[in-house]
Amino acid sequence: MKNQQSKSLWSQIRNAINSYEVGEEFTRKDIRKKLDYPQGSSFDLYRLDLTHAGVLSKIERALYKKNCNIPEDFTTTKLNCQ
């Protein structure tokens, strides 16, 4: 997913998470490797929101499980209303 600077951080995160199967586990670093944004970006805020919304489950420190796909039309506004 590298070299997709024209895509927003949210769309890159959504696509990265959707690339995993439901029930699959991955680390925070696994997702970060798929993003074309600097370390200081809003990535962690989105990750926390996705966890609170039930899209992700935290298994242990920096290890997450995907519970469902993120719909293409699902916006950050909808995420923050969960």
N, C-alpha and C. Protein backbone atom coordinates (compact mmCIF):
# COMPACT_ATOMS: atom_id res chain seq x y z
N MET A 1 0.82 -1.19 0.00
CA MET A 1 0.00 0.00 0.00
C MET A 1 0.87 1.26 0.00
N LYS A 2 2.16 1.12 0.08
CA LYS A 2 3.05 2.27 0.05
C LYS A 2 2.85 3.07 -1.24
N ASN A 3 3.29 4.33 -1.20
CA ASN A 3 3.20 5.23 -2.34
C ASN A 3 1.77 5.59 -2.72
N GLN A 4 0.92 5.70 -1.74
CA GLN A 4 -0.46 6.10 -1.99
C GLN A 4 -0.76 7.39 -1.23
N GLN A 5 0.13 8.36 -1.34
CA GLN A 5 -0.02 9.60 -0.60
C GLN A 5 -1.30 10.34 -0.95
N SER A 6 -1.87 10.09 -2.11
CA SER A 6 -3.09 10.78 -2.49
C SER A 6 -4.29 10.28 -1.68
N LYS A 7 -4.18 9.10 -1.07
CA LYS A 7 -5.26 8.58 -0.25
C LYS A 7 -5.13 9.13 1.16
N SER A 8 -6.27 9.35 1.78
CA SER A 8 -6.25 9.86 3.16
C SER A 8 -5.74 8.78 4.10
N LEU A 9 -5.29 9.20 5.25
CA LEU A 9 -4.84 8.24 6.26
C LEU A 9 -5.96 7.28 6.61
N TRP A 10 -7.19 7.81 6.78
CA TRP A 10 -8.32 6.95 7.12
C TRP A 10 -8.54 5.87 6.06
N SER A 11 -8.53 6.24 4.78
CA SER A 11 -8.78 5.24 3.74
C SER A 11 -7.65 4.22 3.69
N GLN A 12 -6.42 4.63 3.97
CA GLN A 12 -5.31 3.69 4.02
C GLN A 12 -5.46 2.72 5.20
N ILE A 13 -5.87 3.24 6.35
CA ILE A 13 -6.09 2.37 7.52
C ILE A 13 -7.23 1.40 7.23
N ARG A 14 -8.33 1.90 6.70
CA ARG A 14 -9.47 1.04 6.37
C ARG A 14 -9.05 -0.07 5.42
N ASN A 15 -8.33 0.28 4.36
CA ASN A 15 -7.90 -0.72 3.39
C ASN A 15 -6.91 -1.71 4.00
N ALA A 16 -6.02 -1.23 4.85
CA ALA A 16 -5.04 -2.11 5.49
C ALA A 16 -5.74 -3.12 6.39
N ILE A 17 -6.69 -2.66 7.19
CA ILE A 17 -7.41 -3.56 8.09
C ILE A 17 -8.28 -4.51 7.29
N ASN A 18 -8.92 -4.02 6.26
CA ASN A 18 -9.77 -4.89 5.43
C ASN A 18 -8.97 -5.93 4.66
N SER A 19 -7.66 -5.75 4.55
CA SER A 19 -6.83 -6.74 3.85
C SER A 19 -6.65 -8.01 4.69
N TYR A 20 -6.98 -7.94 5.97
CA TYR A 20 -6.91 -9.11 6.85
C TYR A 20 -8.26 -9.81 6.88
N GLU A 21 -8.25 -11.10 7.14
CA GLU A 21 -9.48 -11.87 7.29
C GLU A 21 -10.09 -11.60 8.66
N VAL A 22 -11.41 -11.68 8.77
CA VAL A 22 -12.08 -11.57 10.07
C VAL A 22 -11.54 -12.68 10.96
N GLY A 23 -11.17 -12.33 12.17
CA GLY A 23 -10.60 -13.28 13.12
C GLY A 23 -9.08 -13.34 13.10
N GLU A 24 -8.49 -12.74 12.07
CA GLU A 24 -7.02 -12.75 11.96
C GLU A 24 -6.41 -11.77 12.96
N GLU A 25 -5.25 -12.13 13.48
CA GLU A 25 -4.54 -11.27 14.43
C GLU A 25 -3.35 -10.60 13.73
N PHE A 26 -3.04 -9.40 14.16
CA PHE A 26 -1.93 -8.65 13.59
C PHE A 26 -1.46 -7.63 14.62
N THR A 27 -0.26 -7.15 14.42
CA THR A 27 0.31 -6.17 15.35
C THR A 27 0.11 -4.75 14.82
N ARG A 28 0.29 -3.83 15.70
CA ARG A 28 0.24 -2.42 15.35
C ARG A 28 1.26 -2.13 14.24
N LYS A 29 2.45 -2.72 14.37
CA LYS A 29 3.50 -2.51 13.38
C LYS A 29 3.12 -3.06 12.01
N ASP A 30 2.40 -4.18 11.99
CA ASP A 30 1.95 -4.74 10.71
C ASP A 30 1.11 -3.72 9.94
N ILE A 31 0.22 -3.05 10.64
CA ILE A 31 -0.63 -2.04 9.99
C ILE A 31 0.21 -0.83 9.58
N ARG A 32 1.07 -0.38 10.47
CA ARG A 32 1.89 0.81 10.17
C ARG A 32 2.73 0.60 8.91
N LYS A 33 3.20 -0.62 8.70
CA LYS A 33 4.03 -0.90 7.52
C LYS A 33 3.25 -0.70 6.23
N LYS A 34 1.93 -0.81 6.29
CA LYS A 34 1.10 -0.68 5.09
C LYS A 34 0.70 0.77 4.82
N LEU A 35 1.05 1.69 5.71
CA LEU A 35 0.64 3.08 5.58
C LEU A 35 1.76 3.94 5.04
N ASP A 36 1.38 4.95 4.30
CA ASP A 36 2.33 5.90 3.75
C ASP A 36 2.18 7.24 4.46
N TYR A 37 2.28 7.19 5.77
CA TYR A 37 2.16 8.40 6.59
C TYR A 37 3.25 8.39 7.65
N PRO A 38 3.67 9.56 8.11
CA PRO A 38 4.73 9.63 9.13
C PRO A 38 4.29 9.05 10.48
N GLN A 39 5.25 8.72 11.28
CA GLN A 39 5.00 8.13 12.60
C GLN A 39 4.11 9.01 13.48
N GLY A 40 4.22 10.31 13.36
CA GLY A 40 3.48 11.22 14.22
C GLY A 40 2.05 11.48 13.78
N SER A 41 1.53 10.67 12.88
CA SER A 41 0.19 10.90 12.35
C SER A 41 -0.89 10.48 13.33
N SER A 42 -2.13 10.58 12.91
CA SER A 42 -3.29 10.27 13.76
C SER A 42 -3.61 8.78 13.81
N PHE A 43 -2.70 7.95 13.34
CA PHE A 43 -2.94 6.52 13.27
C PHE A 43 -3.45 5.94 14.59
N ASP A 44 -2.80 6.26 15.68
CA ASP A 44 -3.18 5.66 16.97
C ASP A 44 -4.57 6.09 17.42
N LEU A 45 -4.99 7.28 17.08
CA LEU A 45 -6.35 7.71 17.43
C LEU A 45 -7.38 6.89 16.68
N TYR A 46 -7.14 6.66 15.40
CA TYR A 46 -8.06 5.82 14.61
C TYR A 46 -8.07 4.39 15.15
N ARG A 47 -6.91 3.87 15.49
CA ARG A 47 -6.81 2.51 16.01
C ARG A 47 -7.60 2.37 17.31
N LEU A 48 -7.48 3.35 18.18
CA LEU A 48 -8.24 3.33 19.44
C LEU A 48 -9.74 3.42 19.17
N ASP A 49 -10.13 4.30 18.25
CA ASP A 49 -11.56 4.43 17.91
C ASP A 49 -12.10 3.12 17.33
N LEU A 50 -11.31 2.46 16.49
CA LEU A 50 -11.74 1.19 15.91
C LEU A 50 -11.88 0.11 16.97
N THR A 51 -11.04 0.17 17.98
CA THR A 51 -11.13 -0.78 19.09
C THR A 51 -12.39 -0.51 19.90
N HIS A 52 -12.65 0.76 20.21
CA HIS A 52 -13.86 1.12 20.97
C HIS A 52 -15.13 0.80 20.20
N ALA A 53 -15.07 0.89 18.87
CA ALA A 53 -16.25 0.60 18.03
C ALA A 53 -16.46 -0.90 17.84
N GLY A 54 -15.51 -1.72 18.26
CA GLY A 54 -15.65 -3.17 18.15
C GLY A 54 -15.12 -3.77 16.86
N VAL A 55 -14.54 -2.94 16.00
CA VAL A 55 -13.96 -3.45 14.76
C VAL A 55 -12.72 -4.28 15.07
N LEU A 56 -11.95 -3.82 16.05
CA LEU A 56 -10.75 -4.52 16.51
C LEU A 56 -10.91 -4.89 17.97
N SER A 57 -10.27 -5.97 18.36
CA SER A 57 -10.16 -6.35 19.77
C SER A 57 -8.68 -6.36 20.13
N LYS A 58 -8.36 -5.80 21.26
CA LYS A 58 -6.97 -5.82 21.72
C LYS A 58 -6.73 -7.16 22.42
N ILE A 59 -5.79 -7.93 21.91
CA ILE A 59 -5.46 -9.24 22.47
C ILE A 59 -4.44 -9.08 23.59
N GLU A 60 -3.42 -8.33 23.30
CA GLU A 60 -2.39 -7.98 24.27
C GLU A 60 -1.70 -6.73 23.75
N ARG A 61 -0.68 -6.29 24.43
CA ARG A 61 -0.02 -5.06 24.02
C ARG A 61 0.40 -5.13 22.54
N ALA A 62 -0.12 -4.21 21.76
CA ALA A 62 0.20 -4.05 20.33
C ALA A 62 -0.27 -5.21 19.46
N LEU A 63 -1.10 -6.11 19.97
CA LEU A 63 -1.64 -7.22 19.18
C LEU A 63 -3.16 -7.10 19.13
N TYR A 64 -3.71 -7.14 17.92
CA TYR A 64 -5.14 -6.93 17.72
C TYR A 64 -5.74 -8.04 16.89
N LYS A 65 -7.05 -8.23 17.05
CA LYS A 65 -7.80 -9.19 16.25
C LYS A 65 -8.88 -8.42 15.50
N LYS A 66 -9.05 -8.74 14.23
CA LYS A 66 -10.09 -8.10 13.41
C LYS A 66 -11.41 -8.81 13.64
N ASN A 67 -12.45 -8.05 14.02
CA ASN A 67 -13.77 -8.61 14.28
C ASN A 67 -14.72 -8.48 13.10
N CYS A 68 -14.50 -7.49 12.25
CA CYS A 68 -15.37 -7.28 11.09
C CYS A 68 -14.68 -6.37 10.09
N ASN A 69 -15.20 -6.36 8.88
CA ASN A 69 -14.69 -5.46 7.85
C ASN A 69 -15.22 -4.05 8.09
N ILE A 70 -14.48 -3.08 7.60
CA ILE A 70 -14.92 -1.69 7.65
C ILE A 70 -15.52 -1.36 6.30
N PRO A 71 -16.81 -1.02 6.23
CA PRO A 71 -17.44 -0.70 4.95
C PRO A 71 -16.75 0.48 4.26
N GLU A 72 -16.73 0.44 2.94
CA GLU A 72 -16.09 1.51 2.16
C GLU A 72 -16.67 2.88 2.47
N ASP A 73 -17.97 2.95 2.75
CA ASP A 73 -18.61 4.25 3.00
C ASP A 73 -18.60 4.63 4.48
N PHE A 74 -17.91 3.86 5.29
CA PHE A 74 -17.83 4.15 6.72
C PHE A 74 -16.82 5.27 6.95
N THR A 75 -17.29 6.39 7.47
CA THR A 75 -16.43 7.56 7.64
C THR A 75 -15.93 7.68 9.07
N THR A 76 -14.96 8.53 9.26
CA THR A 76 -14.47 8.77 10.62
C THR A 76 -15.54 9.44 11.48
N THR A 77 -16.42 10.18 10.87
CA THR A 77 -17.53 10.78 11.63
C THR A 77 -18.42 9.69 12.21
N LYS A 78 -18.74 8.68 11.40
CA LYS A 78 -19.54 7.56 11.88
C LYS A 78 -18.78 6.80 12.96
N LEU A 79 -17.48 6.66 12.79
CA LEU A 79 -16.65 5.96 13.77
C LEU A 79 -16.71 6.66 15.12
N ASN A 80 -16.64 7.97 15.11
CA ASN A 80 -16.65 8.72 16.37
C ASN A 80 -18.02 8.77 17.03
N CYS A 81 -19.05 8.35 16.33
CA CYS A 81 -20.41 8.32 16.91
C CYS A 81 -20.75 6.97 17.52
N GLN A 82 -19.85 6.00 17.40
CA GLN A 82 -20.13 4.66 17.92
C GLN A 82 -20.19 4.66 19.43
